[in-house]
């Protein structure tokens, strides 16, 4: 028992994504290293009805990949490393159970999800 009258086990449970949700979001983000737009698209289509967290993360990863595709085409591929850095950061954040928002497309994803 602590001096404050509670035990360490009395702490409230952590509220956040489950381990399955974190894994699905990490696959959406990190899968882009192997299957550029296909990984987030598949996660979005298969898991969007299961979890709002996964839906939001997968949609952002998909939109970021599509934006990367357009810029990579315009720069003959030079923009790809820039976009992959953000996918790497997002993968790490998803594994930690944190919400990650990509620049520019985060607002678009939020708007699209609000319309559903």
C-alpha atoms as a PDB file:
ATOM      1  CA  UNK A   1       0.000   0.000   0.000  1.00  0.00           C
ATOM      2  CA  UNK A   2       1.322   3.429  -0.864  1.00  0.00           C
ATOM      3  CA  UNK A   3       1.332   6.288   1.644  1.00  0.00           C
ATOM      4  CA  UNK A   4      -1.627   7.784  -0.227  1.00  0.00           C
ATOM      5  CA  UNK A   5      -3.931   4.842   0.530  1.00  0.00           C
ATOM      6  CA  UNK A   6      -3.857   3.111  -2.851  1.00  0.00           C
ATOM      7  CA  UNK A   7      -1.766   0.365  -4.285  1.00  0.00           C
ATOM      8  CA  UNK A   8       0.087   0.640  -7.539  1.00  0.00           C
ATOM      9  CA  UNK A   9      -2.500  -1.708  -9.075  1.00  0.00           C
ATOM     10  CA  UNK A  10      -5.286   0.838  -8.440  1.00  0.00           C
ATOM     11  CA  UNK A  11      -4.173   3.054 -11.314  1.00  0.00           C
ATOM     12  CA  UNK A  12      -6.744   3.537 -14.070  1.00  0.00           C
ATOM     13  CA  UNK A  13      -6.223   1.459 -17.202  1.00  0.00           C
ATOM     14  CA  UNK A  14      -4.472   3.137 -20.101  1.00  0.00           C
ATOM     15  CA  UNK A  15      -6.946   4.252 -22.730  1.00  0.00           C
ATOM     16  CA  UNK A  16      -5.672   3.929 -26.264  1.00  0.00           C
ATOM     17  CA  UNK A  17      -5.499   1.608 -29.218  1.00  0.00           C
ATOM     18  CA  UNK A  18      -5.252  -2.114 -28.586  1.00  0.00           C
ATOM     19  CA  UNK A  19      -2.193  -4.075 -29.673  1.00  0.00           C
ATOM     20  CA  UNK A  20      -4.127  -5.343 -32.726  1.00  0.00           C
ATOM     21  CA  UNK A  21      -5.045  -1.783 -33.677  1.00  0.00           C
ATOM     22  CA  UNK A  22      -1.461  -0.630 -33.241  1.00  0.00           C
ATOM     23  CA  UNK A  23      -0.228  -3.491 -35.423  1.00  0.00           C
ATOM     24  CA  UNK A  24      -2.783  -2.791 -38.169  1.00  0.00           C
ATOM     25  CA  UNK A  25      -1.875   0.911 -38.188  1.00  0.00           C
ATOM     26  CA  UNK A  26       1.834   0.060 -38.271  1.00  0.00           C
ATOM     27  CA  UNK A  27       1.230  -2.249 -41.244  1.00  0.00           C
ATOM     28  CA  UNK A  28      -0.612   0.554 -43.038  1.00  0.00           C
ATOM     29  CA  UNK A  29       2.285   2.953 -42.477  1.00  0.00           C
ATOM     30  CA  UNK A  30       5.264   0.591 -42.660  1.00  0.00           C
ATOM     31  CA  UNK A  31       3.807  -1.569 -45.408  1.00  0.00           C
ATOM     32  CA  UNK A  32       4.474   1.311 -47.757  1.00  0.00           C
ATOM     33  CA  UNK A  33       8.149   0.313 -47.724  1.00  0.00           C
ATOM     34  CA  UNK A  34       7.156  -2.900 -49.544  1.00  0.00           C
ATOM     35  CA  UNK A  35       3.812  -2.174 -51.215  1.00  0.00           C
ATOM     36  CA  UNK A  36       3.656   1.604 -51.625  1.00  0.00           C
ATOM     37  CA  UNK A  37      -0.093   2.361 -51.845  1.00  0.00           C
ATOM     38  CA  UNK A  38      -1.373  -1.195 -51.671  1.00  0.00           C
ATOM     39  CA  UNK A  39      -0.579  -1.754 -47.971  1.00  0.00           C
ATOM     40  CA  UNK A  40      -2.519   1.232 -46.600  1.00  0.00           C
ATOM     41  CA  UNK A  41      -5.346   0.627 -49.072  1.00  0.00           C
ATOM     42  CA  UNK A  42      -5.772  -2.987 -47.950  1.00  0.00           C
ATOM     43  CA  UNK A  43      -5.627  -2.083 -44.257  1.00  0.00           C
ATOM     44  CA  UNK A  44      -8.130   0.714 -44.814  1.00  0.00           C
ATOM     45  CA  UNK A  45     -10.573  -1.512 -46.712  1.00  0.00           C
ATOM     46  CA  UNK A  46     -10.261  -4.499 -44.375  1.00  0.00           C
ATOM     47  CA  UNK A  47     -10.130  -2.777 -40.984  1.00  0.00           C
ATOM     48  CA  UNK A  48     -12.042   0.509 -41.319  1.00  0.00           C
ATOM     49  CA  UNK A  49     -15.220  -0.912 -39.825  1.00  0.00           C
ATOM     50  CA  UNK A  50     -13.299  -2.421 -36.879  1.00  0.00           C
ATOM     51  CA  UNK A  51     -11.490   0.651 -35.540  1.00  0.00           C
ATOM     52  CA  UNK A  52     -11.688   4.415 -35.988  1.00  0.00           C
ATOM     53  CA  UNK A  53      -8.013   4.644 -35.013  1.00  0.00           C
ATOM     54  CA  UNK A  54      -6.924   2.201 -37.739  1.00  0.00           C
ATOM     55  CA  UNK A  55      -9.268   3.793 -40.261  1.00  0.00           C
ATOM     56  CA  UNK A  56      -7.796   7.246 -39.676  1.00  0.00           C
ATOM     57  CA  UNK A  57      -4.185   6.049 -39.710  1.00  0.00           C
ATOM     58  CA  UNK A  58      -4.612   3.904 -42.840  1.00  0.00           C
ATOM     59  CA  UNK A  59      -6.419   6.665 -44.732  1.00  0.00           C
ATOM     60  CA  UNK A  60      -3.658   9.133 -43.901  1.00  0.00           C
ATOM     61  CA  UNK A  61      -0.980   6.649 -44.989  1.00  0.00           C
ATOM     62  CA  UNK A  62      -2.860   6.070 -48.237  1.00  0.00           C
ATOM     63  CA  UNK A  63      -3.272   9.792 -48.958  1.00  0.00           C
ATOM     64  CA  UNK A  64       0.396  10.456 -48.118  1.00  0.00           C
ATOM     65  CA  UNK A  65       1.467   7.641 -50.453  1.00  0.00           C
ATOM     66  CA  UNK A  66      -0.692   9.034 -53.250  1.00  0.00           C
ATOM     67  CA  UNK A  67       0.775  12.509 -52.719  1.00  0.00           C
ATOM     68  CA  UNK A  68       4.229  10.918 -52.756  1.00  0.00           C
ATOM     69  CA  UNK A  69       3.439   9.168 -56.015  1.00  0.00           C
ATOM     70  CA  UNK A  70       2.509  12.461 -57.672  1.00  0.00           C
ATOM     71  CA  UNK A  71       5.591  14.266 -56.385  1.00  0.00           C
ATOM     72  CA  UNK A  72       7.863  11.330 -57.205  1.00  0.00           C
ATOM     73  CA  UNK A  73       6.568  11.356 -60.777  1.00  0.00           C
ATOM     74  CA  UNK A  74       7.207  15.091 -61.009  1.00  0.00           C
ATOM     75  CA  UNK A  75      10.733  14.794 -59.561  1.00  0.00           C
ATOM     76  CA  UNK A  76      11.776  11.548 -61.274  1.00  0.00           C
ATOM     77  CA  UNK A  77      11.729   9.746 -57.926  1.00  0.00           C
ATOM     78  CA  UNK A  78      13.779  12.234 -55.939  1.00  0.00           C
ATOM     79  CA  UNK A  79      10.899  12.908 -53.516  1.00  0.00           C
ATOM     80  CA  UNK A  80      10.555   9.267 -52.428  1.00  0.00           C
ATOM     81  CA  UNK A  81      13.071   9.395 -49.531  1.00  0.00           C
ATOM     82  CA  UNK A  82      11.323  12.487 -48.151  1.00  0.00           C
ATOM     83  CA  UNK A  83       7.976  10.685 -48.069  1.00  0.00           C
ATOM     84  CA  UNK A  84       9.473   7.498 -46.645  1.00  0.00           C
ATOM     85  CA  UNK A  85      10.887   9.362 -43.642  1.00  0.00           C
ATOM     86  CA  UNK A  86       7.356  10.345 -42.679  1.00  0.00           C
ATOM     87  CA  UNK A  87       6.105   6.777 -43.176  1.00  0.00           C
ATOM     88  CA  UNK A  88       8.879   5.577 -40.862  1.00  0.00           C
ATOM     89  CA  UNK A  89       7.979   8.090 -38.165  1.00  0.00           C
ATOM     90  CA  UNK A  90       4.291   7.194 -38.484  1.00  0.00           C
ATOM     91  CA  UNK A  91       5.094   3.477 -38.170  1.00  0.00           C
ATOM     92  CA  UNK A  92       7.018   4.096 -34.965  1.00  0.00           C
ATOM     93  CA  UNK A  93       4.221   6.242 -33.525  1.00  0.00           C
ATOM     94  CA  UNK A  94       1.608   3.605 -34.430  1.00  0.00           C
ATOM     95  CA  UNK A  95       3.586   0.893 -32.669  1.00  0.00           C
ATOM     96  CA  UNK A  96       3.701   3.154 -29.608  1.00  0.00           C
ATOM     97  CA  UNK A  97      -0.081   3.587 -29.821  1.00  0.00           C
ATOM     98  CA  UNK A  98       0.124   7.293 -30.542  1.00  0.00           C
ATOM     99  CA  UNK A  99      -1.953   9.197 -33.071  1.00  0.00           C
ATOM    100  CA  UNK A 100       0.165  10.492 -35.926  1.00  0.00           C
ATOM    101  CA  UNK A 101      -0.887  13.112 -38.420  1.00  0.00           C
ATOM    102  CA  UNK A 102       0.919  13.551 -41.721  1.00  0.00           C
ATOM    103  CA  UNK A 103       1.529  17.094 -42.952  1.00  0.00           C
ATOM    104  CA  UNK A 104      -1.165  18.433 -45.284  1.00  0.00           C
ATOM    105  CA  UNK A 105      -3.101  15.176 -45.738  1.00  0.00           C
ATOM    106  CA  UNK A 106      -3.984  14.876 -42.055  1.00  0.00           C
ATOM    107  CA  UNK A 107      -6.598  17.608 -42.368  1.00  0.00           C
ATOM    108  CA  UNK A 108      -7.936  16.095 -45.579  1.00  0.00           C
ATOM    109  CA  UNK A 109      -8.298  12.672 -43.958  1.00  0.00           C
ATOM    110  CA  UNK A 110     -10.116  14.187 -40.985  1.00  0.00           C
ATOM    111  CA  UNK A 111     -12.504  15.996 -43.344  1.00  0.00           C
ATOM    112  CA  UNK A 112     -13.161  12.856 -45.384  1.00  0.00           C
ATOM    113  CA  UNK A 113     -13.826  10.784 -42.274  1.00  0.00           C
ATOM    114  CA  UNK A 114     -16.171  13.410 -40.845  1.00  0.00           C
ATOM    115  CA  UNK A 115     -18.312  13.205 -43.997  1.00  0.00           C
ATOM    116  CA  UNK A 116     -18.874   9.460 -43.559  1.00  0.00           C
END
